[in-house]
């Protein structure tokens, strides 16, 4: 799996590239920090970070930041991109590089809720996304027909009406007609990873142009996972209907390595311990951390085999 996520780095002052008061996931609140978007790869031989990009907030491209922009050595041809746009570009670049034997693309709900992000992924054949979403995500249980009802008087109706309504995925989680199943997702360091799951085939829901109405999108898997504390995680995947269920179970475990990468790189390899202010310095520091992490993972594999 190739997966994307962002992480923050708390910074003092206003002179580091891309710094501003923004939400910092590590602290769970708004703080003065830099934010980076990272790409990770997880496979049978381990996991690691393989690409990164510093998020530059929109105000940094205004006239008031011209001098600071230059002092931080941010590339002159850099244009503003949201984190989701950066992640999408990063994934498409990796998928087209041919360097990664990936079957899945993974992301958390900040990206999975963004339909433009999902629809803009240039997925090769037999590569599918497995994206987290939130409880408010709308889907169609069955594909609705579109028709134009007779109005009786006046002008004919301009926009079609759907034969069925979309439903919130939380309603499916609470629907007893779709039972929960107990499954062993993987073998962890502390024993089997056991969870409850339910999954159904349904149709995604998309905004209908510039209107407030919705329309059905592609057929997808809706995959729900319940944890021991009763918390429910929601996922959508464009994998085909004939895909065996155990493949979805495996995909549900493949996104955690990017969180593990952040934890190991920040706690053991000094990922957030830098004093550079320039964009180039930030990129170079992250590259060194990624190389050190690759070395650490390689050594772990060697000693594990012995």
Protein backbone atom coordinates (compact mmCIF):
# COMPACT_ATOMS: atom_id res chain seq x y z
CA UNK A 1 0.00 0.00 0.00
CA UNK A 2 1.03 3.55 -0.77
CA UNK A 3 -0.52 5.85 1.83
CA UNK A 4 -0.49 9.60 2.44
CA UNK A 5 -0.81 11.64 5.60
CA UNK A 6 0.38 14.95 7.01
CA UNK A 7 2.07 15.79 10.28
CA UNK A 8 3.00 19.02 12.06
CA UNK A 9 6.25 20.36 13.49
CA UNK A 10 5.92 22.99 16.22
CA UNK A 11 8.10 26.04 15.51
CA UNK A 12 8.73 29.33 17.25
CA UNK A 13 8.82 32.62 15.35
CA UNK A 14 7.64 33.60 11.88
CA UNK A 15 10.72 33.14 9.70
CA UNK A 16 10.68 29.41 8.88
CA UNK A 17 9.37 28.34 5.48
CA UNK A 18 5.61 27.84 5.53
CA UNK A 19 5.19 28.45 9.25
CA UNK A 20 1.86 29.78 10.58
CA UNK A 21 -0.73 29.16 13.27
CA UNK A 22 -2.54 26.08 11.98
CA UNK A 23 -3.93 22.81 13.26
CA UNK A 24 -1.21 20.49 14.56
CA UNK A 25 -2.41 16.88 14.69
CA UNK A 26 0.31 15.79 17.11
CA UNK A 27 -0.89 18.35 19.67
CA UNK A 28 -4.56 18.15 18.71
CA UNK A 29 -4.93 21.93 18.60
CA UNK A 30 -3.99 25.06 16.63
CA UNK A 31 -0.36 26.00 17.14
CA UNK A 32 2.46 27.87 15.39
CA UNK A 33 3.94 25.11 13.25
CA UNK A 34 5.05 23.81 9.88
CA UNK A 35 3.11 21.01 8.19
CA UNK A 36 4.48 18.37 5.87
CA UNK A 37 2.68 15.90 3.60
CA UNK A 38 4.31 12.45 3.47
CA UNK A 39 4.00 9.33 1.35
CA UNK A 40 4.70 5.91 2.86
CA UNK A 41 4.99 2.44 1.40
CA UNK A 42 4.11 -0.77 3.24
CA UNK A 43 4.84 -4.23 1.86
CA UNK A 44 5.90 -7.71 2.83
CA UNK A 45 9.50 -6.59 3.50
CA UNK A 46 8.76 -3.65 5.75
CA UNK A 47 7.59 -0.06 5.55
CA UNK A 48 9.02 3.42 5.25
CA UNK A 49 8.55 7.01 4.10
CA UNK A 50 9.33 7.46 0.41
CA UNK A 51 8.41 11.08 -0.41
CA UNK A 52 7.56 14.35 1.31
CA UNK A 53 6.58 17.93 0.60
CA UNK A 54 6.32 20.99 2.81
CA UNK A 55 2.90 22.63 2.84
CA UNK A 56 3.16 26.35 2.07
CA UNK A 57 0.03 28.26 3.26
CA UNK A 58 -1.80 30.52 0.83
CA UNK A 59 -0.77 33.79 2.52
CA UNK A 60 2.87 33.00 1.80
CA UNK A 61 2.13 33.68 -1.86
CA UNK A 62 0.87 37.24 -1.17
CA UNK A 63 2.88 40.44 -1.63
CA UNK A 64 3.46 40.85 2.10
CA UNK A 65 5.57 37.66 2.16
CA UNK A 66 7.76 38.36 -0.90
CA UNK A 67 10.96 39.01 1.04
CA UNK A 68 10.43 36.14 3.50
CA UNK A 69 9.51 33.83 0.61
CA UNK A 70 12.85 34.64 -1.01
CA UNK A 71 14.86 34.35 2.24
CA UNK A 72 13.41 30.88 2.85
CA UNK A 73 14.54 29.83 -0.63
CA UNK A 74 11.16 28.53 -1.68
CA UNK A 75 11.23 27.69 -5.42
CA UNK A 76 10.07 30.62 -7.53
CA UNK A 77 7.82 28.42 -9.67
CA UNK A 78 6.04 26.97 -6.65
CA UNK A 79 2.27 27.56 -6.74
CA UNK A 80 -0.18 27.26 -3.90
CA UNK A 81 -1.55 23.74 -3.42
CA UNK A 82 -3.75 22.37 -0.67
CA UNK A 83 -2.51 19.39 1.32
CA UNK A 84 -4.93 17.17 -0.58
CA UNK A 85 -3.62 18.43 -3.93
CA UNK A 86 -0.03 17.83 -2.79
CA UNK A 87 -0.94 14.30 -1.66
CA UNK A 88 -2.72 13.58 -4.94
CA UNK A 89 0.28 14.76 -7.00
CA UNK A 90 2.63 12.73 -4.82
CA UNK A 91 0.58 9.54 -5.19
CA UNK A 92 0.14 9.91 -8.95
CA UNK A 93 3.87 10.50 -9.35
CA UNK A 94 4.72 7.38 -7.32
CA UNK A 95 2.15 5.23 -9.14
CA UNK A 96 3.52 6.25 -12.54
CA UNK A 97 7.16 5.78 -11.47
CA UNK A 98 6.89 1.98 -11.57
CA UNK A 99 9.05 1.73 -8.43
CA UNK A 100 6.37 0.40 -6.11
CA UNK A 101 4.50 -2.90 -6.37
CA UNK A 102 1.33 -1.46 -4.89
CA UNK A 103 -2.14 -2.95 -4.84
CA UNK A 104 -3.70 -0.29 -2.62
CA UNK A 105 -3.70 3.45 -2.01
CA UNK A 106 -4.61 4.45 1.54
CA UNK A 107 -5.48 7.68 3.32
CA UNK A 108 -7.31 8.96 6.39
CA UNK A 109 -10.66 10.73 6.40
CA UNK A 110 -9.16 14.17 5.74
CA UNK A 111 -8.38 12.89 2.24
CA UNK A 112 -11.02 10.18 1.92
CA UNK A 113 -13.84 12.70 2.44
CA UNK A 114 -12.55 14.70 -0.52
CA UNK A 115 -14.22 13.24 -3.60
CA UNK A 116 -12.09 15.37 -5.93
CA UNK A 117 -9.01 13.80 -4.33
CA UNK A 118 -10.30 10.24 -4.84
CA UNK A 119 -11.59 10.84 -8.36
CA UNK A 120 -8.30 12.50 -9.37
CA UNK A 121 -6.13 9.49 -8.48
CA UNK A 122 -4.57 8.02 -11.62
CA UNK A 123 -4.76 4.40 -10.54
CA UNK A 124 -3.16 1.76 -12.76
CA UNK A 125 -4.99 -1.46 -13.49
CA UNK A 126 -5.56 -3.63 -10.39
CA UNK A 127 -4.67 -0.80 -8.00
CA UNK A 128 -7.52 0.47 -5.82
CA UNK A 129 -8.01 2.97 -3.03
CA UNK A 130 -8.99 2.02 0.52
CA UNK A 131 -9.87 5.37 2.06
CA UNK A 132 -11.13 6.26 5.50
CA UNK A 133 -14.20 8.48 5.66
CA UNK A 134 -16.46 9.80 8.41
CA UNK A 135 -19.84 8.77 9.72
CA UNK A 136 -21.63 11.46 7.69
CA UNK A 137 -20.53 10.10 4.30
CA UNK A 138 -23.52 9.49 2.03
CA UNK A 139 -23.99 6.39 -0.16
CA UNK A 140 -26.79 4.80 -2.16
CA UNK A 141 -27.76 1.26 -1.10
CA UNK A 142 -29.14 0.66 -4.59
CA UNK A 143 -28.56 2.52 -7.83
CA UNK A 144 -31.37 5.11 -8.16
CA UNK A 145 -33.19 5.81 -11.38
CA UNK A 146 -33.35 9.40 -12.63
CA UNK A 147 -36.65 10.65 -13.98
CA UNK A 148 -38.53 13.86 -14.69
CA UNK A 149 -41.91 13.92 -12.90
CA UNK A 150 -44.83 15.55 -14.62
CA UNK A 151 -45.51 18.96 -13.13
CA UNK A 152 -49.07 19.32 -14.42
CA UNK A 153 -48.82 23.06 -14.96
CA UNK A 154 -46.09 25.49 -15.89
CA UNK A 155 -42.71 24.76 -17.36
CA UNK A 156 -41.37 21.18 -17.35
CA UNK A 157 -38.91 20.28 -14.61
CA UNK A 158 -35.32 21.26 -15.49
CA UNK A 159 -33.47 18.81 -13.23
CA UNK A 160 -34.22 15.09 -12.72
CA UNK A 161 -35.42 13.47 -9.50
CA UNK A 162 -33.86 10.32 -8.03
CA UNK A 163 -36.02 7.29 -7.30
CA UNK A 164 -34.15 6.59 -4.05
CA UNK A 165 -32.41 8.65 -1.38
CA UNK A 166 -28.82 8.43 -0.22
CA UNK A 167 -28.18 7.24 3.33
CA UNK A 168 -25.57 8.14 5.91
CA UNK A 169 -23.02 5.38 6.53
CA UNK A 170 -23.71 5.67 10.26
CA UNK A 171 -27.21 4.34 9.53
CA UNK A 172 -25.69 1.24 7.93
CA UNK A 173 -23.51 0.73 11.02
CA UNK A 174 -26.70 0.79 13.13
CA UNK A 175 -28.70 -1.40 10.72
CA UNK A 176 -29.24 -4.87 12.31
CA UNK A 177 -30.01 -6.38 8.90
CA UNK A 178 -26.31 -6.04 8.11
CA UNK A 179 -24.71 -8.08 10.93
CA UNK A 180 -21.26 -7.58 12.41
CA UNK A 181 -18.71 -10.34 11.85
CA UNK A 182 -15.73 -11.14 14.08
CA UNK A 183 -12.50 -11.48 12.13
CA UNK A 184 -8.75 -11.81 12.80
CA UNK A 185 -7.26 -9.01 10.70
CA UNK A 186 -3.59 -9.79 11.34
CA UNK A 187 -1.06 -11.29 13.72
CA UNK A 188 0.36 -8.46 15.81
CA UNK A 189 3.31 -8.30 18.19
CA UNK A 190 0.92 -8.85 21.10
CA UNK A 191 -1.16 -11.55 19.44
CA UNK A 192 -4.00 -11.68 16.91
CA UNK A 193 -5.63 -8.37 15.90
CA UNK A 194 -9.32 -9.16 16.34
CA UNK A 195 -12.06 -6.80 15.22
CA UNK A 196 -15.70 -6.74 14.24
CA UNK A 197 -16.51 -5.74 10.68
CA UNK A 198 -19.37 -5.37 8.26
CA UNK A 199 -19.13 -4.62 4.58
CA UNK A 200 -21.55 -4.16 1.71
CA UNK A 201 -21.54 -3.22 -1.95
CA UNK A 202 -23.19 0.14 -2.58
CA UNK A 203 -22.86 3.21 -4.77
CA UNK A 204 -20.89 6.32 -3.92
CA UNK A 205 -22.59 9.68 -3.69
CA UNK A 206 -21.35 12.71 -5.61
CA UNK A 207 -22.38 16.35 -5.78
CA UNK A 208 -24.45 17.11 -8.87
CA UNK A 209 -22.54 20.00 -10.46
CA UNK A 210 -22.96 23.35 -8.71
CA UNK A 211 -26.33 22.38 -7.25
CA UNK A 212 -27.11 21.14 -3.76
CA UNK A 213 -28.49 17.90 -5.21
CA UNK A 214 -26.52 14.66 -5.34
CA UNK A 215 -26.13 11.91 -7.91
CA UNK A 216 -24.89 8.31 -7.77
CA UNK A 217 -21.22 7.67 -8.44
CA UNK A 218 -19.24 4.47 -9.06
CA UNK A 219 -20.02 1.21 -7.27
CA UNK A 220 -17.84 0.78 -4.18
CA UNK A 221 -17.24 -1.29 -1.08
CA UNK A 222 -18.28 0.22 2.23
CA UNK A 223 -16.17 -1.38 4.95
CA UNK A 224 -16.86 -0.77 8.67
CA UNK A 225 -14.56 -1.79 11.49
CA UNK A 226 -15.54 -1.73 15.17
CA UNK A 227 -12.83 -1.54 17.82
CA UNK A 228 -12.88 -2.93 21.36
CA UNK A 229 -13.94 0.46 22.75
CA UNK A 230 -16.97 0.44 20.37
CA UNK A 231 -15.44 3.12 18.14
CA UNK A 232 -16.35 2.55 14.49
CA UNK A 233 -14.11 3.42 11.55
CA UNK A 234 -15.58 3.81 8.08
CA UNK A 235 -13.81 3.06 4.79
CA UNK A 236 -14.71 3.18 1.11
CA UNK A 237 -12.93 1.30 -1.66
CA UNK A 238 -13.33 1.15 -5.43
CA UNK A 239 -12.06 -2.46 -5.49
CA UNK A 240 -14.17 -4.76 -7.69
CA UNK A 241 -17.09 -6.72 -6.29
CA UNK A 242 -15.46 -10.10 -6.90
CA UNK A 243 -12.50 -9.26 -4.66
CA UNK A 244 -12.29 -11.77 -1.77
CA UNK A 245 -13.28 -10.37 1.61
CA UNK A 246 -9.92 -11.25 3.19
CA UNK A 247 -8.23 -8.81 0.78
CA UNK A 248 -10.29 -5.99 2.26
CA UNK A 249 -9.35 -7.19 5.75
CA UNK A 250 -5.69 -7.00 4.78
CA UNK A 251 -6.10 -3.52 3.33
CA UNK A 252 -7.63 -2.40 6.64
CA UNK A 253 -4.30 -3.14 8.38
CA UNK A 254 -1.96 -1.62 5.78
CA UNK A 255 -2.43 2.08 6.56
CA UNK A 256 -1.14 1.95 10.15
CA UNK A 257 2.56 1.79 9.06
CA UNK A 258 2.59 5.49 8.10
CA UNK A 259 1.61 6.33 11.68
CA UNK A 260 4.36 3.97 12.84
CA UNK A 261 6.82 5.82 10.59
CA UNK A 262 5.94 9.15 12.18
CA UNK A 263 6.22 7.68 15.67
CA UNK A 264 9.61 6.07 15.05
CA UNK A 265 11.07 9.00 13.11
CA UNK A 266 9.95 11.60 15.65
CA UNK A 267 10.78 9.65 18.81
CA UNK A 268 14.06 8.01 17.74
CA UNK A 269 15.46 9.74 14.66
CA UNK A 270 15.03 13.46 15.31
CA UNK A 271 12.43 14.14 12.65
CA UNK A 272 11.24 17.28 14.41
CA UNK A 273 14.66 18.30 15.78
CA UNK A 274 15.88 20.79 13.21
CA UNK A 275 16.74 24.48 13.32
CA UNK A 276 16.82 25.25 9.59
CA UNK A 277 14.52 27.95 8.25
CA UNK A 278 14.81 27.36 4.51
CA UNK A 279 12.62 25.17 2.33
CA UNK A 280 15.71 23.35 1.02
CA UNK A 281 16.99 22.75 4.54
CA UNK A 282 13.66 21.23 5.56
CA UNK A 283 13.63 18.91 2.54
CA UNK A 284 17.23 17.84 3.16
CA UNK A 285 16.59 17.12 6.84
CA UNK A 286 13.57 14.98 6.01
CA UNK A 287 15.57 13.08 3.39
CA UNK A 288 18.27 12.26 5.97
CA UNK A 289 15.60 11.08 8.44
CA UNK A 290 14.01 8.87 5.76
CA UNK A 291 17.40 7.32 4.92
CA UNK A 292 18.12 6.71 8.62
CA UNK A 293 14.72 5.09 9.01
CA UNK A 294 15.36 2.83 6.02
CA UNK A 295 18.65 1.74 7.64
CA UNK A 296 16.88 1.06 10.94
CA UNK A 297 14.14 -1.03 9.27
CA UNK A 298 16.77 -2.97 7.30
CA UNK A 299 18.75 -3.77 10.44
CA UNK A 300 15.58 -4.81 12.24
CA UNK A 301 14.80 -7.29 9.45
CA UNK A 302 18.33 -8.73 9.54
CA UNK A 303 18.33 -9.32 13.29
CA UNK A 304 14.76 -10.61 13.28
CA UNK A 305 15.77 -13.35 10.84
CA UNK A 306 18.65 -14.37 13.11
